[in-house]
PDB file of N, CA and C in Angstrom:
ATOM      1  N   MET A   1     130.607  72.886 140.024  1.00  0.00           N
ATOM      2  CA  MET A   1     130.334  72.270 138.579  1.00  0.00           C
ATOM      3  C   MET A   1     131.421  72.541 137.149  1.00  0.00           C
ATOM      4  N   TYR A   2     131.494  71.214 136.937  1.00  0.00           N
ATOM      5  CA  TYR A   2     132.377  71.276 135.520  1.00  0.00           C
ATOM      6  C   TYR A   2     131.750  71.138 133.885  1.00  0.00           C
ATOM      7  N   ILE A   3     132.182  71.608 133.196  1.00  0.00           N
ATOM      8  CA  ILE A   3     131.673  71.714 131.653  1.00  0.00           C
ATOM      9  C   ILE A   3     132.753  71.356 130.796  1.00  0.00           C
ATOM     10  N   HIS A   4     132.299  69.999 129.466  1.00  0.00           N
ATOM     11  CA  HIS A   4     133.765  70.036 129.255  1.00  0.00           C
ATOM     12  C   HIS A   4     132.875  70.588 127.954  1.00  0.00           C
ATOM     13  N   VAL A   5     134.208  71.288 127.447  1.00  0.00           N
ATOM     14  CA  VAL A   5     134.194  72.150 126.329  1.00  0.00           C
ATOM     15  C   VAL A   5     134.690  71.382 124.785  1.00  0.00           C
ATOM     16  N   GLY A   6     135.014  69.937 125.043  1.00  0.00           N
ATOM     17  CA  GLY A   6     135.777  69.537 123.567  1.00  0.00           C
ATOM     18  C   GLY A   6     137.044  68.872 124.457  1.00  0.00           C
ATOM     19  N   GLY A   7     137.559  68.206 123.420  1.00  0.00           N
ATOM     20  CA  GLY A   7     138.299  66.945 123.573  1.00  0.00           C
ATOM     21  C   GLY A   7     138.997  66.577 125.147  1.00  0.00           C
ATOM     22  N   ASP A   8     140.103  66.903 125.537  1.00  0.00           N
ATOM     23  CA  ASP A   8     139.822  66.445 127.002  1.00  0.00           C
ATOM     24  C   ASP A   8     140.185  67.927 127.853  1.00  0.00           C
ATOM     25  N   TYR A   9     138.926  68.794 127.916  1.00  0.00           N
ATOM     26  CA  TYR A   9     139.335  69.985 128.564  1.00  0.00           C
ATOM     27  C   TYR A   9     138.112  70.203 129.470  1.00  0.00           C
ATOM     28  N   SER A  10     138.053  70.392 130.128  1.00  0.00           N
ATOM     29  CA  SER A  10     136.676  71.204 131.002  1.00  0.00           C
ATOM     30  C   SER A  10     137.270  71.871 131.990  1.00  0.00           C
ATOM     31  N   LEU A  11     135.923  73.022 132.327  1.00  0.00           N
ATOM     32  CA  LEU A  11     136.536  74.384 132.833  1.00  0.00           C
ATOM     33  C   LEU A  11     134.786  73.751 133.977  1.00  0.00           C
ATOM     34  N   PHE A  12     135.974  75.248 134.837  1.00  0.00           N
ATOM     35  CA  PHE A  12     134.998  75.007 136.343  1.00  0.00           C
ATOM     36  C   PHE A  12     134.397  76.098 135.633  1.00  0.00           C
ATOM     37  N   TYR A  13     132.609  75.986 136.033  1.00  0.00           N
ATOM     38  CA  TYR A  13     131.551  76.482 135.067  1.00  0.00           C
ATOM     39  C   TYR A  13     132.410  78.387 135.971  1.00  0.00           C
ATOM     40  N   LYS A  14     132.748  78.613 136.926  1.00  0.00           N
ATOM     41  CA  LYS A  14     132.648  80.310 137.733  1.00  0.00           C
ATOM     42  C   LYS A  14     133.905  80.617 136.541  1.00  0.00           C
ATOM     43  N   ASP A  15     134.867  79.816 136.494  1.00  0.00           N
ATOM     44  CA  ASP A  15     135.786  80.432 135.610  1.00  0.00           C
ATOM     45  C   ASP A  15     135.709  80.550 134.570  1.00  0.00           C
ATOM     46  N   ILE A  16     134.417  80.780 133.480  1.00  0.00           N
ATOM     47  CA  ILE A  16     134.361  81.070 132.309  1.00  0.00           C
ATOM     48  C   ILE A  16     133.019  82.414 132.136  1.00  0.00           C
ATOM     49  N   VAL A  17     134.749  83.606 131.297  1.00  0.00           N
ATOM     50  CA  VAL A  17     133.770  84.885 131.335  1.00  0.00           C
ATOM     51  C   VAL A  17     133.041  85.062 130.373  1.00  0.00           C
ATOM     52  N   GLY A  18     132.737  84.386 129.585  1.00  0.00           N
ATOM     53  CA  GLY A  18     132.173  84.355 128.210  1.00  0.00           C
ATOM     54  C   GLY A  18     132.001  83.380 127.524  1.00  0.00           C
ATOM     55  N   ILE A  19     131.062  83.230 126.976  1.00  0.00           N
ATOM     56  CA  ILE A  19     130.904  81.006 124.958  1.00  0.00           C
ATOM     57  C   ILE A  19     130.180  82.080 124.119  1.00  0.00           C
ATOM     58  N   PHE A  20     131.426  82.514 122.995  1.00  0.00           N
ATOM     59  CA  PHE A  20     131.395  82.967 121.953  1.00  0.00           C
ATOM     60  C   PHE A  20     130.801  82.731 120.811  1.00  0.00           C
ATOM     61  N   ASP A  21     129.974  82.618 119.600  1.00  0.00           N
ATOM     62  CA  ASP A  21     129.783  81.959 118.323  1.00  0.00           C
ATOM     63  C   ASP A  21     131.088  82.533 117.801  1.00  0.00           C
ATOM     64  N   ILE A  22     131.809  81.530 117.473  1.00  0.00           N
ATOM     65  CA  ILE A  22     133.263  82.074 116.259  1.00  0.00           C
ATOM     66  C   ILE A  22     132.814  82.936 115.128  1.00  0.00           C
ATOM     67  N   ASP A  23     131.616  82.200 114.383  1.00  0.00           N
ATOM     68  CA  ASP A  23     130.805  83.042 112.782  1.00  0.00           C
ATOM     69  C   ASP A  23     130.531  84.355 113.462  1.00  0.00           C
ATOM     70  N   VAL A  24     129.680  84.393 114.180  1.00  0.00           N
ATOM     71  CA  VAL A  24     129.511  85.866 114.545  1.00  0.00           C
ATOM     72  C   VAL A  24     130.092  87.056 114.917  1.00  0.00           C
ATOM     73  N   CYS A  25     130.797  86.287 116.146  1.00  0.00           N
ATOM     74  CA  CYS A  25     131.187  87.777 116.368  1.00  0.00           C
ATOM     75  C   CYS A  25     133.162  88.050 116.116  1.00  0.00           C
ATOM     76  N   THR A  26     133.792  87.118 114.987  1.00  0.00           N
ATOM     77  CA  THR A  26     134.612  87.246 114.250  1.00  0.00           C
ATOM     78  C   THR A  26     134.488  88.446 112.867  1.00  0.00           C
ATOM     79  N   ILE A  27     133.298  88.884 112.915  1.00  0.00           N
ATOM     80  CA  ILE A  27     133.187  89.934 111.999  1.00  0.00           C
ATOM     81  C   ILE A  27     133.601  91.096 112.782  1.00  0.00           C
ATOM     82  N   SER A  28     133.606  91.187 114.207  1.00  0.00           N
ATOM     83  CA  SER A  28     133.880  92.339 114.668  1.00  0.00           C
ATOM     84  C   SER A  28     135.742  92.558 114.249  1.00  0.00           C
ATOM     85  N   ARG A  29     135.742  93.775 114.335  1.00  0.00           N
ATOM     86  CA  ARG A  29     137.565  94.094 114.068  1.00  0.00           C
ATOM     87  C   ARG A  29     138.119  93.671 115.452  1.00  0.00           C
ATOM     88  N   ARG A  30     137.288  94.401 116.868  1.00  0.00           N
ATOM     89  CA  ARG A  30     137.941  94.044 118.116  1.00  0.00           C
ATOM     90  C   ARG A  30     137.908  92.857 118.525  1.00  0.00           C
ATOM     91  N   THR A  31     136.678  92.013 118.136  1.00  0.00           N
ATOM     92  CA  THR A  31     136.987  90.142 117.980  1.00  0.00           C
ATOM     93  C   THR A  31     138.253  89.407 118.183  1.00  0.00           C
ATOM     94  N   ARG A  32     138.826  90.127 116.618  1.00  0.00           N
ATOM     95  CA  ARG A  32     139.702  89.261 116.041  1.00  0.00           C
ATOM     96  C   ARG A  32     140.646  89.917 116.746  1.00  0.00           C
ATOM     97  N   GLU A  33     141.268  91.228 116.690  1.00  0.00           N
ATOM     98  CA  GLU A  33     142.279  91.937 117.260  1.00  0.00           C
ATOM     99  C   GLU A  33     142.474  90.944 118.568  1.00  0.00           C
ATOM    100  N   PHE A  34     141.457  90.884 119.547  1.00  0.00           N
ATOM    101  CA  PHE A  34     141.587  90.332 120.901  1.00  0.00           C
ATOM    102  C   PHE A  34     142.158  88.547 120.417  1.00  0.00           C
ATOM    103  N   LEU A  35     141.143  88.275 119.588  1.00  0.00           N
ATOM    104  CA  LEU A  35     141.799  86.756 119.378  1.00  0.00           C
ATOM    105  C   LEU A  35     143.680  86.838 119.135  1.00  0.00           C
ATOM    106  N   LYS A  36     143.720  87.450 118.055  1.00  0.00           N
ATOM    107  CA  LYS A  36     144.901  88.277 117.408  1.00  0.00           C
ATOM    108  C   LYS A  36     146.286  88.246 119.036  1.00  0.00           C
ATOM    109  N   ASN A  37     145.592  88.739 119.794  1.00  0.00           N
ATOM    110  CA  ASN A  37     146.654  89.437 120.382  1.00  0.00           C
ATOM    111  C   ASN A  37     146.642  87.885 121.842  1.00  0.00           C
ATOM    112  N   ALA A  38     145.482  87.283 121.389  1.00  0.00           N
ATOM    113  CA  ALA A  38     145.909  85.924 122.858  1.00  0.00           C
ATOM    114  C   ALA A  38     146.527  85.200 122.813  1.00  0.00           C
ATOM    115  N   GLN A  39     146.362  85.141 121.341  1.00  0.00           N
ATOM    116  CA  GLN A  39     147.481  84.800 119.973  1.00  0.00           C
ATOM    117  C   GLN A  39     148.296  84.247 120.316  1.00  0.00           C
ATOM    118  N   LYS A  40     148.987  85.265 120.407  1.00  0.00           N
ATOM    119  CA  LYS A  40     150.580  86.423 120.589  1.00  0.00           C
ATOM    120  C   LYS A  40     150.702  86.271 122.177  1.00  0.00           C
ATOM    121  N   LYS A  41     150.019  86.327 122.964  1.00  0.00           N
ATOM    122  CA  LYS A  41     150.427  86.053 124.515  1.00  0.00           C
ATOM    123  C   LYS A  41     150.272  84.221 124.321  1.00  0.00           C
ATOM    124  N   GLU A  42     150.159  83.604 123.303  1.00  0.00           N
ATOM    125  CA  GLU A  42     149.635  81.919 123.656  1.00  0.00           C
ATOM    126  C   GLU A  42     149.260  82.153 124.202  1.00  0.00           C
ATOM    127  N   ASN A  43     147.557  82.388 125.205  1.00  0.00           N
ATOM    128  CA  ASN A  43     146.656  82.310 125.983  1.00  0.00           C
ATOM    129  C   ASN A  43     145.567  81.237 124.610  1.00  0.00           C
ATOM    130  N   VAL A  44     146.300  81.429 124.008  1.00  0.00           N
ATOM    131  CA  VAL A  44     144.648  80.328 122.735  1.00  0.00           C
ATOM    132  C   VAL A  44     145.124  78.360 123.023  1.00  0.00           C
ATOM    133  N   ILE A  45     144.294  77.737 123.184  1.00  0.00           N
ATOM    134  CA  ILE A  45     144.124  76.501 123.249  1.00  0.00           C
ATOM    135  C   ILE A  45     142.783  75.943 122.350  1.00  0.00           C
ATOM    136  N   THR A  46     143.570  74.973 121.341  1.00  0.00           N
ATOM    137  CA  THR A  46     142.639  74.546 120.279  1.00  0.00           C
ATOM    138  C   THR A  46     142.083  73.087 120.718  1.00  0.00           C
ATOM    139  N   VAL A  47     140.828  73.240 121.134  1.00  0.00           N
ATOM    140  CA  VAL A  47     141.245  71.957 122.501  1.00  0.00           C
ATOM    141  C   VAL A  47     140.695  69.929 121.061  1.00  0.00           C
ATOM    142  N   SER A  48     140.434  70.860 119.948  1.00  0.00           N
ATOM    143  CA  SER A  48     139.892  69.741 118.529  1.00  0.00           C
ATOM    144  C   SER A  48     140.809  70.214 117.137  1.00  0.00           C
ATOM    145  N   ASP A  49     140.806  69.258 116.643  1.00  0.00           N
ATOM    146  CA  ASP A  49     141.288  69.917 115.196  1.00  0.00           C
ATOM    147  C   ASP A  49     140.039  69.772 114.241  1.00  0.00           C
ATOM    148  N   ASP A  50     138.783  69.567 115.019  1.00  0.00           N
ATOM    149  CA  ASP A  50     137.576  69.978 114.321  1.00  0.00           C
ATOM    150  C   ASP A  50     137.059  71.150 113.816  1.00  0.00           C
ATOM    151  N   ILE A  51     136.496  72.039 113.208  1.00  0.00           N
ATOM    152  CA  ILE A  51     135.683  72.558 112.393  1.00  0.00           C
ATOM    153  C   ILE A  51     135.524  73.436 114.095  1.00  0.00           C
ATOM    154  N   PRO A  52     136.137  75.107 114.297  1.00  0.00           N
ATOM    155  CA  PRO A  52     135.378  75.789 115.228  1.00  0.00           C
ATOM    156  C   PRO A  52     134.331  76.173 114.957  1.00  0.00           C
ATOM    157  N   LYS A  53     133.477  75.871 116.359  1.00  0.00           N
ATOM    158  CA  LYS A  53     132.007  76.171 116.449  1.00  0.00           C
ATOM    159  C   LYS A  53     132.156  78.084 117.070  1.00  0.00           C
ATOM    160  N   SER A  54     132.933  77.385 118.718  1.00  0.00           N
ATOM    161  CA  SER A  54     133.103  78.770 119.541  1.00  0.00           C
ATOM    162  C   SER A  54     134.652  78.963 120.090  1.00  0.00           C
ATOM    163  N   PHE A  55     134.373  79.822 120.918  1.00  0.00           N
ATOM    164  CA  PHE A  55     135.636  80.205 122.156  1.00  0.00           C
ATOM    165  C   PHE A  55     134.902  80.502 123.233  1.00  0.00           C
ATOM    166  N   ILE A  56     135.685  79.895 124.170  1.00  0.00           N
ATOM    167  CA  ILE A  56     135.777  80.498 124.917  1.00  0.00           C
ATOM    168  C   ILE A  56     136.553  81.050 126.279  1.00  0.00           C
ATOM    169  N   VAL A  57     136.242  82.100 126.856  1.00  0.00           N
ATOM    170  CA  VAL A  57     137.025  82.746 127.459  1.00  0.00           C
ATOM    171  C   VAL A  57     136.785  82.615 128.672  1.00  0.00           C
ATOM    172  N   ALA A  58     137.959  82.675 129.455  1.00  0.00           N
ATOM    173  CA  ALA A  58     138.000  82.008 130.783  1.00  0.00           C
ATOM    174  C   ALA A  58     139.133  82.516 131.660  1.00  0.00           C
ATOM    175  N   GLU A  59     138.859  82.095 132.634  1.00  0.00           N
ATOM    176  CA  GLU A  59     139.391  83.477 133.865  1.00  0.00           C
ATOM    177  C   GLU A  59     140.439  82.222 135.424  1.00  0.00           C
ATOM    178  N   TYR A  60     141.411  82.027 135.279  1.00  0.00           N
ATOM    179  CA  TYR A  60     141.689  80.795 136.630  1.00  0.00           C
ATOM    180  C   TYR A  60     143.404  81.116 136.644  1.00  0.00           C
ATOM    181  N   ALA A  61     143.277  82.027 138.481  1.00  0.00           N
ATOM    182  CA  ALA A  61     144.242  82.341 138.809  1.00  0.00           C
ATOM    183  C   ALA A  61     144.609  83.507 138.533  1.00  0.00           C
ATOM    184  N   GLY A  62     143.839  84.627 137.940  1.00  0.00           N
ATOM    185  CA  GLY A  62     144.088  85.622 137.582  1.00  0.00           C
ATOM    186  C   GLY A  62     144.772  85.866 136.123  1.00  0.00           C
ATOM    187  N   GLN A  63     144.865  84.265 135.026  1.00  0.00           N
ATOM    188  CA  GLN A  63     145.301  84.527 133.994  1.00  0.00           C
ATOM    189  C   GLN A  63     144.313  84.003 133.366  1.00  0.00           C
ATOM    190  N   ASP A  64     144.042  84.828 131.989  1.00  0.00           N
ATOM    191  CA  ASP A  64     142.854  85.269 131.095  1.00  0.00           C
ATOM    192  C   ASP A  64     143.366  84.097 129.869  1.00  0.00           C
ATOM    193  N   LYS A  65     142.587  82.763 129.973  1.00  0.00           N
ATOM    194  CA  LYS A  65     142.694  81.724 128.780  1.00  0.00           C
ATOM    195  C   LYS A  65     141.740  81.259 127.078  1.00  0.00           C
ATOM    196  N   THR A  66     141.802  81.921 126.201  1.00  0.00           N
ATOM    197  CA  THR A  66     140.940  81.394 125.772  1.00  0.00           C
ATOM    198  C   THR A  66     140.835  80.222 124.723  1.00  0.00           C
ATOM    199  N   TYR A  67     139.563  79.299 124.664  1.00  0.00           N
ATOM    200  CA  TYR A  67     139.806  78.556 123.809  1.00  0.00           C
ATOM    201  C   TYR A  67     138.812  78.062 122.999  1.00  0.00           C
ATOM    202  N   ILE A  68     139.330  77.378 121.746  1.00  0.00           N
ATOM    203  CA  ILE A  68     138.741  77.456 121.127  1.00  0.00           C
ATOM    204  C   ILE A  68     138.151  75.952 121.000  1.00  0.00           C
ATOM    205  N   THR A  69     136.619  75.651 120.222  1.00  0.00           N
ATOM    206  CA  THR A  69     136.292  74.429 120.235  1.00  0.00           C
ATOM    207  C   THR A  69     135.097  74.153 119.337  1.00  0.00           C
ATOM    208  N   PRO A  70     135.076  72.890 118.666  1.00  0.00           N
ATOM    209  CA  PRO A  70     134.349  72.982 118.064  1.00  0.00           C
ATOM    210  C   PRO A  70     132.667  73.029 118.415  1.00  0.00           C
ATOM    211  N   ILE A  71     132.545  72.692 119.594  1.00  0.00           N
ATOM    212  CA  ILE A  71     131.065  72.572 120.181  1.00  0.00           C
ATOM    213  C   ILE A  71     130.534  73.753 120.385  1.00  0.00           C
ATOM    214  N   SER A  72     129.071  73.347 119.609  1.00  0.00           N
ATOM    215  CA  SER A  72     128.353  75.047 119.314  1.00  0.00           C
ATOM    216  C   SER A  72     128.049  75.999 120.686  1.00  0.00           C
ATOM    217  N   PRO A  73     127.643  77.523 120.631  1.00  0.00           N
ATOM    218  CA  PRO A  73     127.851  77.805 121.577  1.00  0.00           C
ATOM    219  C   PRO A  73     126.543  77.293 122.468  1.00  0.00           C
ATOM    220  N   PRO A  74     125.206  77.241 122.257  1.00  0.00           N
ATOM    221  CA  PRO A  74     124.185  76.529 122.453  1.00  0.00           C
ATOM    222  C   PRO A  74     123.965  75.522 123.276  1.00  0.00           C
ATOM    223  N   THR A  75     125.037  74.697 122.425  1.00  0.00           N
ATOM    224  CA  THR A  75     124.918  73.463 123.390  1.00  0.00           C
ATOM    225  C   THR A  75     125.457  73.859 124.514  1.00  0.00           C
ATOM    226  N   LEU A  76     126.897  74.366 124.705  1.00  0.00           N
ATOM    227  CA  LEU A  76     128.197  74.745 125.611  1.00  0.00           C
ATOM    228  C   LEU A  76     127.363  75.684 126.980  1.00  0.00           C
ATOM    229  N   ARG A  77     126.048  76.206 126.586  1.00  0.00           N
ATOM    230  CA  ARG A  77     125.081  76.705 127.823  1.00  0.00           C
ATOM    231  C   ARG A  77     124.500  75.646 128.285  1.00  0.00           C
ATOM    232  N   LYS A  78     123.931  74.989 127.760  1.00  0.00           N
ATOM    233  CA  LYS A  78     123.357  73.628 128.503  1.00  0.00           C
ATOM    234  C   LYS A  78     123.980  73.432 129.322  1.00  0.00           C
ATOM    235  N   ARG A  79     124.625  72.716 128.642  1.00  0.00           N
ATOM    236  CA  ARG A  79     126.016  71.957 129.822  1.00  0.00           C
ATOM    237  C   ARG A  79     125.806  72.861 130.348  1.00  0.00           C
ATOM    238  N   SER A  80     126.196  74.260 130.664  1.00  0.00           N
ATOM    239  CA  SER A  80     126.594  75.242 132.070  1.00  0.00           C
ATOM    240  C   SER A  80     125.469  75.302 132.887  1.00  0.00           C
ATOM    241  N   ARG A  81     123.988  75.126 132.744  1.00  0.00           N
ATOM    242  CA  ARG A  81     123.058  75.103 133.276  1.00  0.00           C
ATOM    243  C   ARG A  81     122.730  73.408 134.020  1.00  0.00           C
ATOM    244  N   LEU A  82     123.165  72.280 133.870  1.00  0.00           N
ATOM    245  CA  LEU A  82     122.520  71.156 134.300  1.00  0.00           C
ATOM    246  C   LEU A  82     123.051  71.504 135.859  1.00  0.00           C
TER     247      LEU A  82
END
C-alpha cells in the first residue's frame, strides 16, 4: 500500500521508518541536528511550499530520505491504516 504524503509524493508504507510532528520534535537538539545533517547530505525532500507540519523518515534501497510535508502526523497515520 502507498501513502500519499503531499504534493506528487507517495511512499510505500513498509519504507516508512517514522512520522514525526515537526513542532514537537524540533524542540530537541538531536532532532535539529538530524534534520541539519540530512539536509547537508541532500536527503531532504520538501513536498510542498505550504507550512510544514510533519516530517517522514523513509528508507528505500538502503538510503534514508526525509520528507517535509504540510500534512499532519495524525492524518498520515490514518492514511497508513487504510
